[in-house]
Amino acid sequence: MARYHSIKEVNAMSEVEQLEKRVQGLSPGELAAFRAWFIEFDARVWDEQIEADLKGGKLDGLIAEGLAEYKAGKAREL
């Protein structure tokens, strides 16, 4: 079954492909600097998503489950 892409998806794919080509053309030093920047960027985005999920209540069920297991003695020290 063929999948049709929206104009937005095609443009995004083109941007990603352009980025891939640019990254492939980096020198080893530039690649190392980019990698370090991207790791920090990705961690920050992840932290922001977790914080938003926490504030939005998306983690409430998991928190309750963890607390219940702890109170039932099913937890252990790390």
PDB file of N, CA and C in Angstrom:
ATOM      1  N   MET A   1       0.839  -1.169   0.000  1.00  0.00           N
ATOM      2  CA  MET A   1       0.000   0.000   0.000  1.00  0.00           C
ATOM      3  C   MET A   1       0.890   1.239   0.000  1.00  0.00           C
ATOM      4  N   ALA A   2       0.694   2.111  -0.940  1.00  0.00           N
ATOM      5  CA  ALA A   2       1.513   3.314  -1.058  1.00  0.00           C
ATOM      6  C   ALA A   2       1.160   4.297   0.047  1.00  0.00           C
ATOM      7  N   ARG A   3       2.193   4.971   0.560  1.00  0.00           N
ATOM      8  CA  ARG A   3       1.965   5.995   1.579  1.00  0.00           C
ATOM      9  C   ARG A   3       2.292   7.337   0.947  1.00  0.00           C
ATOM     10  N   TYR A   4       1.355   8.253   1.041  1.00  0.00           N
ATOM     11  CA  TYR A   4       1.547   9.576   0.481  1.00  0.00           C
ATOM     12  C   TYR A   4       2.000  10.519   1.574  1.00  0.00           C
ATOM     13  N   HIS A   5       2.984  11.318   1.261  1.00  0.00           N
ATOM     14  CA  HIS A   5       3.536  12.267   2.218  1.00  0.00           C
ATOM     15  C   HIS A   5       2.938  13.642   1.985  1.00  0.00           C
ATOM     16  N   SER A   6       2.655  14.340   3.071  1.00  0.00           N
ATOM     17  CA  SER A   6       2.181  15.711   2.944  1.00  0.00           C
ATOM     18  C   SER A   6       3.346  16.593   2.509  1.00  0.00           C
ATOM     19  N   ILE A   7       3.033  17.786   2.029  1.00  0.00           N
ATOM     20  CA  ILE A   7       4.069  18.750   1.631  1.00  0.00           C
ATOM     21  C   ILE A   7       4.993  19.017   2.807  1.00  0.00           C
ATOM     22  N   LYS A   8       4.429  19.143   4.004  1.00  0.00           N
ATOM     23  CA  LYS A   8       5.229  19.403   5.200  1.00  0.00           C
ATOM     24  C   LYS A   8       6.210  18.257   5.445  1.00  0.00           C
ATOM     25  N   GLU A   9       5.753  17.001   5.296  1.00  0.00           N
ATOM     26  CA  GLU A   9       6.627  15.851   5.493  1.00  0.00           C
ATOM     27  C   GLU A   9       7.744  15.831   4.454  1.00  0.00           C
ATOM     28  N   VAL A  10       7.426  16.141   3.218  1.00  0.00           N
ATOM     29  CA  VAL A  10       8.434  16.149   2.157  1.00  0.00           C
ATOM     30  C   VAL A  10       9.470  17.217   2.446  1.00  0.00           C
ATOM     31  N   ASN A  11       9.038  18.408   2.856  1.00  0.00           N
ATOM     32  CA  ASN A  11       9.974  19.470   3.192  1.00  0.00           C
ATOM     33  C   ASN A  11      10.833  19.082   4.379  1.00  0.00           C
ATOM     34  N   ALA A  12      10.247  18.455   5.384  1.00  0.00           N
ATOM     35  CA  ALA A  12      11.006  18.021   6.551  1.00  0.00           C
ATOM     36  C   ALA A  12      12.036  16.969   6.152  1.00  0.00           C
ATOM     37  N   MET A  13      11.633  16.043   5.299  1.00  0.00           N
ATOM     38  CA  MET A  13      12.567  15.029   4.852  1.00  0.00           C
ATOM     39  C   MET A  13      13.714  15.684   4.101  1.00  0.00           C
ATOM     40  N   SER A  14      13.431  16.674   3.303  1.00  0.00           N
ATOM     41  CA  SER A  14      14.475  17.363   2.570  1.00  0.00           C
ATOM     42  C   SER A  14      15.432  18.049   3.524  1.00  0.00           C
ATOM     43  N   GLU A  15      14.897  18.656   4.589  1.00  0.00           N
ATOM     44  CA  GLU A  15      15.751  19.292   5.586  1.00  0.00           C
ATOM     45  C   GLU A  15      16.642  18.276   6.271  1.00  0.00           C
ATOM     46  N   VAL A  16      16.076  17.131   6.633  1.00  0.00           N
ATOM     47  CA  VAL A  16      16.859  16.093   7.294  1.00  0.00           C
ATOM     48  C   VAL A  16      17.943  15.582   6.351  1.00  0.00           C
ATOM     49  N   GLU A  17      17.579  15.348   5.110  1.00  0.00           N
ATOM     50  CA  GLU A  17      18.570  14.890   4.138  1.00  0.00           C
ATOM     51  C   GLU A  17      19.680  15.912   3.961  1.00  0.00           C
ATOM     52  N   GLN A  18      19.322  17.194   3.948  1.00  0.00           N
ATOM     53  CA  GLN A  18      20.332  18.242   3.830  1.00  0.00           C
ATOM     54  C   GLN A  18      21.254  18.245   5.055  1.00  0.00           C
ATOM     55  N   LEU A  19      20.668  18.078   6.224  1.00  0.00           N
ATOM     56  CA  LEU A  19      21.467  18.026   7.450  1.00  0.00           C
ATOM     57  C   LEU A  19      22.406  16.822   7.441  1.00  0.00           C
ATOM     58  N   GLU A  20      21.885  15.686   7.002  1.00  0.00           N
ATOM     59  CA  GLU A  20      22.723  14.486   6.932  1.00  0.00           C
ATOM     60  C   GLU A  20      23.943  14.735   6.047  1.00  0.00           C
ATOM     61  N   LYS A  21      23.727  15.330   4.899  1.00  0.00           N
ATOM     62  CA  LYS A  21      24.833  15.609   3.983  1.00  0.00           C
ATOM     63  C   LYS A  21      25.822  16.584   4.601  1.00  0.00           C
ATOM     64  N   ARG A  22      25.305  17.605   5.276  1.00  0.00           N
ATOM     65  CA  ARG A  22      26.188  18.581   5.935  1.00  0.00           C
ATOM     66  C   ARG A  22      27.017  17.913   7.023  1.00  0.00           C
ATOM     67  N   VAL A  23      26.383  17.054   7.818  1.00  0.00           N
ATOM     68  CA  VAL A  23      27.095  16.367   8.900  1.00  0.00           C
ATOM     69  C   VAL A  23      28.156  15.431   8.319  1.00  0.00           C
ATOM     70  N   GLN A  24      27.811  14.741   7.245  1.00  0.00           N
ATOM     71  CA  GLN A  24      28.776  13.840   6.617  1.00  0.00           C
ATOM     72  C   GLN A  24      30.001  14.590   6.095  1.00  0.00           C
ATOM     73  N   GLY A  25      29.844  15.864   5.795  1.00  0.00           N
ATOM     74  CA  GLY A  25      30.950  16.654   5.264  1.00  0.00           C
ATOM     75  C   GLY A  25      31.804  17.324   6.325  1.00  0.00           C
ATOM     76  N   LEU A  26      31.471  17.141   7.593  1.00  0.00           N
ATOM     77  CA  LEU A  26      32.242  17.782   8.659  1.00  0.00           C
ATOM     78  C   LEU A  26      33.596  17.109   8.836  1.00  0.00           C
ATOM     79  N   SER A  27      34.563  17.908   9.230  1.00  0.00           N
ATOM     80  CA  SER A  27      35.877  17.360   9.573  1.00  0.00           C
ATOM     81  C   SER A  27      35.742  16.599  10.894  1.00  0.00           C
ATOM     82  N   PRO A  28      36.719  15.764  11.229  1.00  0.00           N
ATOM     83  CA  PRO A  28      36.646  15.038  12.508  1.00  0.00           C
ATOM     84  C   PRO A  28      36.479  15.979  13.715  1.00  0.00           C
ATOM     85  N   GLY A  29      37.166  17.094  13.722  1.00  0.00           N
ATOM     86  CA  GLY A  29      37.030  18.049  14.828  1.00  0.00           C
ATOM     87  C   GLY A  29      35.660  18.694  14.869  1.00  0.00           C
ATOM     88  N   GLU A  30      35.161  19.068  13.699  1.00  0.00           N
ATOM     89  CA  GLU A  30      33.818  19.650  13.631  1.00  0.00           C
ATOM     90  C   GLU A  30      32.761  18.630  14.044  1.00  0.00           C
ATOM     91  N   LEU A  31      32.959  17.369  13.630  1.00  0.00           N
ATOM     92  CA  LEU A  31      32.022  16.316  13.985  1.00  0.00           C
ATOM     93  C   LEU A  31      32.011  16.104  15.503  1.00  0.00           C
ATOM     94  N   ALA A  32      33.172  16.119  16.124  1.00  0.00           N
ATOM     95  CA  ALA A  32      33.249  15.953  17.573  1.00  0.00           C
ATOM     96  C   ALA A  32      32.526  17.105  18.278  1.00  0.00           C
ATOM     97  N   ALA A  33      32.725  18.328  17.805  1.00  0.00           N
ATOM     98  CA  ALA A  33      32.051  19.487  18.401  1.00  0.00           C
ATOM     99  C   ALA A  33      30.547  19.395  18.194  1.00  0.00           C
ATOM    100  N   PHE A  34      30.131  18.990  16.999  1.00  0.00           N
ATOM    101  CA  PHE A  34      28.702  18.826  16.725  1.00  0.00           C
ATOM    102  C   PHE A  34      28.105  17.746  17.612  1.00  0.00           C
ATOM    103  N   ARG A  35      28.804  16.626  17.737  1.00  0.00           N
ATOM    104  CA  ARG A  35      28.318  15.519  18.558  1.00  0.00           C
ATOM    105  C   ARG A  35      28.132  15.972  20.004  1.00  0.00           C
ATOM    106  N   ALA A  36      29.106  16.690  20.550  1.00  0.00           N
ATOM    107  CA  ALA A  36      29.004  17.179  21.929  1.00  0.00           C
ATOM    108  C   ALA A  36      27.817  18.132  22.068  1.00  0.00           C
ATOM    109  N   TRP A  37      27.663  19.034  21.100  1.00  0.00           N
ATOM    110  CA  TRP A  37      26.534  19.965  21.137  1.00  0.00           C
ATOM    111  C   TRP A  37      25.221  19.201  21.063  1.00  0.00           C
ATOM    112  N   PHE A  38      25.134  18.230  20.162  1.00  0.00           N
ATOM    113  CA  PHE A  38      23.877  17.512  19.970  1.00  0.00           C
ATOM    114  C   PHE A  38      23.505  16.693  21.196  1.00  0.00           C
ATOM    115  N   ILE A  39      24.478  16.075  21.837  1.00  0.00           N
ATOM    116  CA  ILE A  39      24.199  15.300  23.048  1.00  0.00           C
ATOM    117  C   ILE A  39      23.606  16.215  24.114  1.00  0.00           C
ATOM    118  N   GLU A  40      24.186  17.391  24.302  1.00  0.00           N
ATOM    119  CA  GLU A  40      23.664  18.355  25.278  1.00  0.00           C
ATOM    120  C   GLU A  40      22.266  18.837  24.872  1.00  0.00           C
ATOM    121  N   PHE A  41      22.087  19.149  23.613  1.00  0.00           N
ATOM    122  CA  PHE A  41      20.798  19.602  23.099  1.00  0.00           C
ATOM    123  C   PHE A  41      19.730  18.529  23.303  1.00  0.00           C
ATOM    124  N   ASP A  42      20.045  17.301  22.936  1.00  0.00           N
ATOM    125  CA  ASP A  42      19.092  16.204  23.045  1.00  0.00           C
ATOM    126  C   ASP A  42      18.711  15.963  24.509  1.00  0.00           C
ATOM    127  N   ALA A  43      19.678  16.033  25.406  1.00  0.00           N
ATOM    128  CA  ALA A  43      19.401  15.847  26.835  1.00  0.00           C
ATOM    129  C   ALA A  43      18.486  16.950  27.358  1.00  0.00           C
ATOM    130  N   ARG A  44      18.731  18.185  26.913  1.00  0.00           N
ATOM    131  CA  ARG A  44      17.899  19.310  27.351  1.00  0.00           C
ATOM    132  C   ARG A  44      16.463  19.153  26.850  1.00  0.00           C
ATOM    133  N   VAL A  45      16.293  18.755  25.600  1.00  0.00           N
ATOM    134  CA  VAL A  45      14.957  18.543  25.036  1.00  0.00           C
ATOM    135  C   VAL A  45      14.252  17.419  25.787  1.00  0.00           C
ATOM    136  N   TRP A  46      14.973  16.339  26.084  1.00  0.00           N
ATOM    137  CA  TRP A  46      14.401  15.214  26.829  1.00  0.00           C
ATOM    138  C   TRP A  46      13.945  15.677  28.214  1.00  0.00           C
ATOM    139  N   ASP A  47      14.813  16.424  28.911  1.00  0.00           N
ATOM    140  CA  ASP A  47      14.464  16.930  30.244  1.00  0.00           C
ATOM    141  C   ASP A  47      13.221  17.815  30.192  1.00  0.00           C
ATOM    142  N   GLU A  48      13.139  18.664  29.193  1.00  0.00           N
ATOM    143  CA  GLU A  48      11.974  19.542  29.050  1.00  0.00           C
ATOM    144  C   GLU A  48      10.699  18.730  28.804  1.00  0.00           C
ATOM    145  N   GLN A  49      10.809  17.653  28.019  1.00  0.00           N
ATOM    146  CA  GLN A  49       9.645  16.808  27.751  1.00  0.00           C
ATOM    147  C   GLN A  49       9.193  16.082  29.013  1.00  0.00           C
ATOM    148  N   ILE A  50      10.149  15.556  29.765  1.00  0.00           N
ATOM    149  CA  ILE A  50       9.814  14.873  31.019  1.00  0.00           C
ATOM    150  C   ILE A  50       9.149  15.852  31.980  1.00  0.00           C
ATOM    151  N   GLU A  51       9.696  17.058  32.082  1.00  0.00           N
ATOM    152  CA  GLU A  51       9.113  18.070  32.965  1.00  0.00           C
ATOM    153  C   GLU A  51       7.688  18.419  32.535  1.00  0.00           C
ATOM    154  N   ALA A  52       7.482  18.584  31.241  1.00  0.00           N
ATOM    155  CA  ALA A  52       6.145  18.895  30.726  1.00  0.00           C
ATOM    156  C   ALA A  52       5.179  17.736  31.003  1.00  0.00           C
ATOM    157  N   ASP A  53       5.645  16.511  30.798  1.00  0.00           N
ATOM    158  CA  ASP A  53       4.807  15.345  31.071  1.00  0.00           C
ATOM    159  C   ASP A  53       4.455  15.262  32.554  1.00  0.00           C
ATOM    160  N   LEU A  54       5.426  15.563  33.403  1.00  0.00           N
ATOM    161  CA  LEU A  54       5.187  15.542  34.838  1.00  0.00           C
ATOM    162  C   LEU A  54       4.154  16.591  35.236  1.00  0.00           C
ATOM    163  N   LYS A  55       4.331  17.803  34.737  1.00  0.00           N
ATOM    164  CA  LYS A  55       3.390  18.888  35.036  1.00  0.00           C
ATOM    165  C   LYS A  55       2.003  18.593  34.465  1.00  0.00           C
ATOM    166  N   GLY A  56       1.951  17.910  33.349  1.00  0.00           N
ATOM    167  CA  GLY A  56       0.683  17.591  32.701  1.00  0.00           C
ATOM    168  C   GLY A  56      -0.001  16.357  33.275  1.00  0.00           C
ATOM    169  N   GLY A  57       0.605  15.722  34.249  1.00  0.00           N
ATOM    170  CA  GLY A  57      -0.007  14.569  34.886  1.00  0.00           C
ATOM    171  C   GLY A  57       0.193  13.250  34.158  1.00  0.00           C
ATOM    172  N   LYS A  58       0.972  13.257  33.091  1.00  0.00           N
ATOM    173  CA  LYS A  58       1.140  12.029  32.309  1.00  0.00           C
ATOM    174  C   LYS A  58       1.907  10.938  33.058  1.00  0.00           C
ATOM    175  N   LEU A  59       2.641  11.318  34.106  1.00  0.00           N
ATOM    176  CA  LEU A  59       3.428  10.341  34.849  1.00  0.00           C
ATOM    177  C   LEU A  59       2.779   9.952  36.174  1.00  0.00           C
ATOM    178  N   ASP A  60       1.620  10.499  36.454  1.00  0.00           N
ATOM    179  CA  ASP A  60       0.960  10.251  37.743  1.00  0.00           C
ATOM    180  C   ASP A  60       0.729   8.768  37.997  1.00  0.00           C
ATOM    181  N   GLY A  61       0.300   8.036  36.974  1.00  0.00           N
ATOM    182  CA  GLY A  61       0.050   6.610  37.130  1.00  0.00           C
ATOM    183  C   GLY A  61       1.316   5.840  37.476  1.00  0.00           C
ATOM    184  N   LEU A  62       2.404   6.168  36.800  1.00  0.00           N
ATOM    185  CA  LEU A  62       3.669   5.492  37.078  1.00  0.00           C
ATOM    186  C   LEU A  62       4.185   5.829  38.474  1.00  0.00           C
ATOM    187  N   ILE A  63       4.017   7.081  38.880  1.00  0.00           N
ATOM    188  CA  ILE A  63       4.445   7.493  40.214  1.00  0.00           C
ATOM    189  C   ILE A  63       3.634   6.748  41.267  1.00  0.00           C
ATOM    190  N   ALA A  64       2.333   6.691  41.090  1.00  0.00           N
ATOM    191  CA  ALA A  64       1.469   5.991  42.038  1.00  0.00           C
ATOM    192  C   ALA A  64       1.833   4.511  42.115  1.00  0.00           C
ATOM    193  N   GLU A  65       2.090   3.915  40.972  1.00  0.00           N
ATOM    194  CA  GLU A  65       2.462   2.499  40.934  1.00  0.00           C
ATOM    195  C   GLU A  65       3.777   2.261  41.679  1.00  0.00           C
ATOM    196  N   GLY A  66       4.746   3.133  41.457  1.00  0.00           N
ATOM    197  CA  GLY A  66       6.031   3.004  42.134  1.00  0.00           C
ATOM    198  C   GLY A  66       5.908   3.177  43.639  1.00  0.00           C
ATOM    199  N   LEU A  67       5.119   4.158  44.053  1.00  0.00           N
ATOM    200  CA  LEU A  67       4.915   4.367  45.492  1.00  0.00           C
ATOM    201  C   LEU A  67       4.195   3.188  46.127  1.00  0.00           C
ATOM    202  N   ALA A  68       3.217   2.638  45.438  1.00  0.00           N
ATOM    203  CA  ALA A  68       2.485   1.482  45.962  1.00  0.00           C
ATOM    204  C   ALA A  68       3.420   0.284  46.120  1.00  0.00           C
ATOM    205  N   GLU A  69       4.272   0.049  45.143  1.00  0.00           N
ATOM    206  CA  GLU A  69       5.225  -1.064  45.232  1.00  0.00           C
ATOM    207  C   GLU A  69       6.215  -0.832  46.370  1.00  0.00           C
ATOM    208  N   TYR A  70       6.647   0.407  46.538  1.00  0.00           N
ATOM    209  CA  TYR A  70       7.568   0.739  47.631  1.00  0.00           C
ATOM    210  C   TYR A  70       6.901   0.474  48.973  1.00  0.00           C
ATOM    211  N   LYS A  71       5.675   0.945  49.131  1.00  0.00           N
ATOM    212  CA  LYS A  71       4.947   0.764  50.392  1.00  0.00           C
ATOM    213  C   LYS A  71       4.649  -0.711  50.663  1.00  0.00           C
ATOM    214  N   ALA A  72       4.515  -1.508  49.598  1.00  0.00           N
ATOM    215  CA  ALA A  72       4.241  -2.941  49.751  1.00  0.00           C
ATOM    216  C   ALA A  72       5.524  -3.737  49.978  1.00  0.00           C
ATOM    217  N   GLY A  73       6.654  -3.051  50.067  1.00  0.00           N
ATOM    218  CA  GLY A  73       7.923  -3.723  50.303  1.00  0.00           C
ATOM    219  C   GLY A  73       8.522  -4.378  49.078  1.00  0.00           C
ATOM    220  N   LYS A  74       8.068  -3.999  47.908  1.00  0.00           N
ATOM    221  CA  LYS A  74       8.582  -4.607  46.672  1.00  0.00           C
ATOM    222  C   LYS A  74       9.757  -3.843  46.070  1.00  0.00           C
ATOM    223  N   ALA A  75      10.258  -2.845  46.783  1.00  0.00           N
ATOM    224  CA  ALA A  75      11.375  -2.043  46.274  1.00  0.00           C
ATOM    225  C   ALA A  75      12.662  -2.454  46.978  1.00  0.00           C
ATOM    226  N   ARG A  76      13.766  -2.135  46.363  1.00  0.00           N
ATOM    227  CA  ARG A  76      15.059  -2.408  46.986  1.00  0.00           C
ATOM    228  C   ARG A  76      15.956  -1.190  46.809  1.00  0.00           C
ATOM    229  N   GLU A  77      16.940  -1.064  47.664  1.00  0.00           N
ATOM    230  CA  GLU A  77      17.882   0.042  47.582  1.00  0.00           C
ATOM    231  C   GLU A  77      18.717  -0.081  46.310  1.00  0.00           C
ATOM    232  N   LEU A  78      19.008   1.054  45.713  1.00  0.00           N
ATOM    233  CA  LEU A  78      19.862   1.049  44.511  1.00  0.00           C
ATOM    234  C   LEU A  78      21.309   1.250  44.898  1.00  0.00           C
TER     235      LEU A  78
END
